[in-house]
Protein backbone atom coordinates (compact mmCIF):
# COMPACT_ATOMS: atom_id res chain seq x y z
CA MET A 1 19.38 -1.76 6.09
CA ASN A 2 20.78 -5.10 6.86
CA HIS A 3 18.51 -8.10 6.38
CA VAL A 4 16.87 -8.30 10.20
CA GLY A 5 15.62 -4.80 9.36
CA VAL A 6 14.53 -5.63 5.40
CA GLU A 7 12.28 -8.92 6.59
CA LEU A 8 10.84 -6.38 9.34
CA LEU A 9 9.95 -4.09 6.76
CA GLY A 10 8.40 -6.47 4.55
CA TRP A 11 6.21 -7.97 7.89
CA THR A 12 5.34 -4.30 8.00
CA ALA A 13 3.70 -3.99 4.64
CA THR A 14 2.21 -7.28 5.34
CA ALA A 15 0.54 -6.46 8.50
CA VAL A 16 -0.69 -2.57 7.21
CA PHE A 17 -1.74 -4.34 4.15
CA VAL A 18 -3.98 -6.67 5.88
CA GLY A 19 -4.91 -4.09 8.54
CA SER A 20 -6.06 -2.15 5.90
CA TYR A 21 -9.21 -4.43 5.14
CA PHE A 22 -10.13 -4.10 9.05
CA PHE A 23 -11.69 -0.25 7.62
CA SER A 24 -14.79 0.01 6.84
CA ARG A 25 -14.90 3.61 5.68
CA ALA A 26 -13.61 3.06 1.76
CA SER A 27 -11.57 6.30 1.99
CA LEU A 28 -9.47 4.88 5.14
CA LEU A 29 -9.18 1.55 3.66
CA ARG A 30 -7.52 3.01 0.23
CA SER A 31 -5.41 5.07 2.62
CA VAL A 32 -4.05 2.48 4.45
CA GLN A 33 -3.51 0.30 1.36
CA MET A 34 -1.33 3.17 -0.63
CA ILE A 35 0.79 3.20 2.67
CA GLY A 36 1.09 -0.48 2.37
CA ALA A 37 1.67 -0.88 -1.41
CA LEU A 38 4.52 1.98 -0.32
CA LEU A 39 5.70 0.14 2.37
CA TRP A 40 5.75 -3.32 0.13
CA ILE A 41 7.90 -0.73 -3.19
CA ILE A 42 10.55 -0.11 -0.52
CA TYR A 43 10.82 -3.70 0.48
CA GLY A 44 11.25 -4.84 -3.01
CA LEU A 45 13.55 -2.17 -4.25
CA LEU A 46 15.63 -3.63 -1.37
CA ILE A 47 15.62 -6.75 -2.38
CA GLY A 48 15.87 -6.23 -6.06
CA ALA A 49 12.17 -7.76 -6.99
CA SER A 50 10.22 -6.08 -9.60
CA PRO A 51 7.33 -8.42 -9.86
CA VAL A 52 6.75 -6.97 -5.75
CA ILE A 53 7.52 -3.19 -7.11
CA VAL A 54 5.64 -3.51 -9.67
CA ALA A 55 2.17 -5.14 -8.05
CA ASN A 56 2.82 -2.51 -5.57
CA VAL A 57 2.71 0.28 -7.82
CA LEU A 58 -0.16 -1.03 -9.57
CA VAL A 59 -2.18 -1.01 -6.51
CA LEU A 60 -1.04 2.72 -5.01
CA THR A 61 -1.59 3.82 -8.08
CA ALA A 62 -4.92 2.75 -7.87
CA ALA A 63 -6.03 3.35 -4.45
CA ALA A 64 -5.14 6.93 -5.00
CA TRP A 65 -7.22 7.05 -8.56
CA ALA A 66 -10.23 5.86 -6.98
CA THR A 67 -9.84 8.20 -3.65
CA LEU A 68 -9.65 11.35 -6.41
CA ARG A 69 -12.52 9.74 -8.02
CA ALA A 70 -14.44 10.46 -5.54
CA ARG A 71 -13.33 13.28 -4.02
CA LYS A 72 -14.23 14.68 -7.56
CA ALA A 73 -17.15 12.85 -7.25
CA GLY A 74 -17.46 14.59 -4.28
CA ALA A 75 -17.79 11.25 -2.04
CA VAL A 76 -17.63 11.62 1.60
CA ALA A 77 -16.95 7.10 1.65
């Protein structure tokens, strides 16, 4: 992927993650955050930035865990 493509991926990840906060349903917010985190992980891998990768693996893990917990509890958030 060329430099412009990598930059575009970073900006897309930013837009997706920020956009997630406009969802009022918690389950949808977490789903969009997981997509954003995946984009950030790919971006981090492409630029070789382990702090970006680790931070977003943690975000992805936390969002997935919260989603599974809510499903097990029968929440319809």
